[in-house]
Amino acid sequence: MPKMKTHSSAKKRFKVTGSGKVKRFQAKTSHMMRNKSKKAKLRLRDATTVSPADEARVLRMLCKK
């Protein structure tokens, strides 16, 4: 059986941490930033983890499980 290929868009968007969780960046940061408060923009800067419901699917796209 041939090797599985990693999903190209997934490898650009997600990183797997040392503990095995999947890290992602927040949405709603690309445009219309002048309408968002400074507090909202500050919160959107940080990366967060993928929800447990989606984690298995993302790991499968990354060929990690």
C-alpha atoms as a PDB file:
ATOM      1  CA  MET A   1       0.000   0.000   0.000  1.00  0.00           C
ATOM      2  CA  PRO A   2       1.401   3.460  -0.851  1.00  0.00           C
ATOM      3  CA  LYS A   3       2.248   6.080   1.726  1.00  0.00           C
ATOM      4  CA  MET A   4      -0.514   8.428   2.839  1.00  0.00           C
ATOM      5  CA  LYS A   5      -0.101  12.030   1.786  1.00  0.00           C
ATOM      6  CA  THR A   6      -0.493  14.843   4.306  1.00  0.00           C
ATOM      7  CA  HIS A   7      -3.371  17.213   3.582  1.00  0.00           C
ATOM      8  CA  SER A   8      -1.622  20.308   2.173  1.00  0.00           C
ATOM      9  CA  SER A   9      -3.886  22.946   3.725  1.00  0.00           C
ATOM     10  CA  ALA A  10      -3.855  21.188   7.117  1.00  0.00           C
ATOM     11  CA  LYS A  11      -0.064  21.169   7.362  1.00  0.00           C
ATOM     12  CA  LYS A  12      -0.071  24.961   6.849  1.00  0.00           C
ATOM     13  CA  ARG A  13      -2.744  25.601   9.484  1.00  0.00           C
ATOM     14  CA  PHE A  14      -2.063  23.182  12.345  1.00  0.00           C
ATOM     15  CA  LYS A  15       0.887  22.149  14.518  1.00  0.00           C
ATOM     16  CA  VAL A  16       1.017  19.188  16.906  1.00  0.00           C
ATOM     17  CA  THR A  17       2.382  20.062  20.359  1.00  0.00           C
ATOM     18  CA  GLY A  18       4.734  17.888  22.378  1.00  0.00           C
ATOM     19  CA  SER A  19       1.850  16.538  24.449  1.00  0.00           C
ATOM     20  CA  GLY A  20      -0.048  15.543  21.284  1.00  0.00           C
ATOM     21  CA  LYS A  21      -2.631  18.329  21.245  1.00  0.00           C
ATOM     22  CA  VAL A  22      -3.262  20.237  18.018  1.00  0.00           C
ATOM     23  CA  LYS A  23      -2.584  23.970  17.960  1.00  0.00           C
ATOM     24  CA  ARG A  24      -4.380  26.374  15.615  1.00  0.00           C
ATOM     25  CA  PHE A  25      -4.652  30.105  15.040  1.00  0.00           C
ATOM     26  CA  GLN A  26      -7.833  32.082  15.548  1.00  0.00           C
ATOM     27  CA  ALA A  27     -10.211  33.067  12.755  1.00  0.00           C
ATOM     28  CA  LYS A  28     -11.515  36.606  12.055  1.00  0.00           C
ATOM     29  CA  THR A  29      -8.085  38.262  11.934  1.00  0.00           C
ATOM     30  CA  SER A  30      -7.591  38.903   8.221  1.00  0.00           C
ATOM     31  CA  HIS A  31      -9.708  41.992   7.516  1.00  0.00           C
ATOM     32  CA  MET A  32     -12.128  44.576   8.990  1.00  0.00           C
ATOM     33  CA  MET A  33      -9.892  44.990  12.017  1.00  0.00           C
ATOM     34  CA  ARG A  34     -10.917  48.617  12.523  1.00  0.00           C
ATOM     35  CA  ASN A  35     -14.382  47.446  13.605  1.00  0.00           C
ATOM     36  CA  LYS A  36     -12.994  45.240  16.361  1.00  0.00           C
ATOM     37  CA  SER A  37     -12.088  46.511  19.807  1.00  0.00           C
ATOM     38  CA  LYS A  38      -8.489  46.490  20.989  1.00  0.00           C
ATOM     39  CA  LYS A  39      -9.446  43.863  23.557  1.00  0.00           C
ATOM     40  CA  ALA A  40     -10.885  41.576  20.868  1.00  0.00           C
ATOM     41  CA  LYS A  41      -7.815  41.960  18.648  1.00  0.00           C
ATOM     42  CA  LEU A  42      -5.551  41.204  21.613  1.00  0.00           C
ATOM     43  CA  ARG A  43      -7.437  37.962  22.353  1.00  0.00           C
ATOM     44  CA  LEU A  44      -7.314  36.881  18.696  1.00  0.00           C
ATOM     45  CA  ARG A  45      -3.497  37.058  18.587  1.00  0.00           C
ATOM     46  CA  ASP A  46      -2.963  33.959  20.699  1.00  0.00           C
ATOM     47  CA  ALA A  47      -3.072  30.459  19.268  1.00  0.00           C
ATOM     48  CA  THR A  48      -5.477  27.983  20.821  1.00  0.00           C
ATOM     49  CA  THR A  49      -6.057  24.240  20.695  1.00  0.00           C
ATOM     50  CA  VAL A  50      -8.421  22.405  18.377  1.00  0.00           C
ATOM     51  CA  SER A  51     -11.605  21.200  20.074  1.00  0.00           C
ATOM     52  CA  PRO A  52     -11.627  17.534  21.133  1.00  0.00           C
ATOM     53  CA  ALA A  53     -14.472  16.828  18.688  1.00  0.00           C
ATOM     54  CA  ASP A  54     -12.316  17.910  15.713  1.00  0.00           C
ATOM     55  CA  GLU A  55      -8.922  16.754  16.965  1.00  0.00           C
ATOM     56  CA  ALA A  56      -9.131  13.200  15.565  1.00  0.00           C
ATOM     57  CA  ARG A  57     -10.067  14.488  12.105  1.00  0.00           C
ATOM     58  CA  VAL A  58      -7.211  17.011  12.052  1.00  0.00           C
ATOM     59  CA  LEU A  59      -4.698  14.389  13.192  1.00  0.00           C
ATOM     60  CA  ARG A  60      -5.890  12.095  10.417  1.00  0.00           C
ATOM     61  CA  MET A  61      -5.350  14.873   7.857  1.00  0.00           C
ATOM     62  CA  LEU A  62      -1.825  15.331   9.230  1.00  0.00           C
ATOM     63  CA  CYS A  63      -1.223  11.542   9.065  1.00  0.00           C
ATOM     64  CA  LYS A  64      -0.433  11.441  12.785  1.00  0.00           C
ATOM     65  CA  LYS A  65      -3.022   8.778  13.730  1.00  0.00           C
END
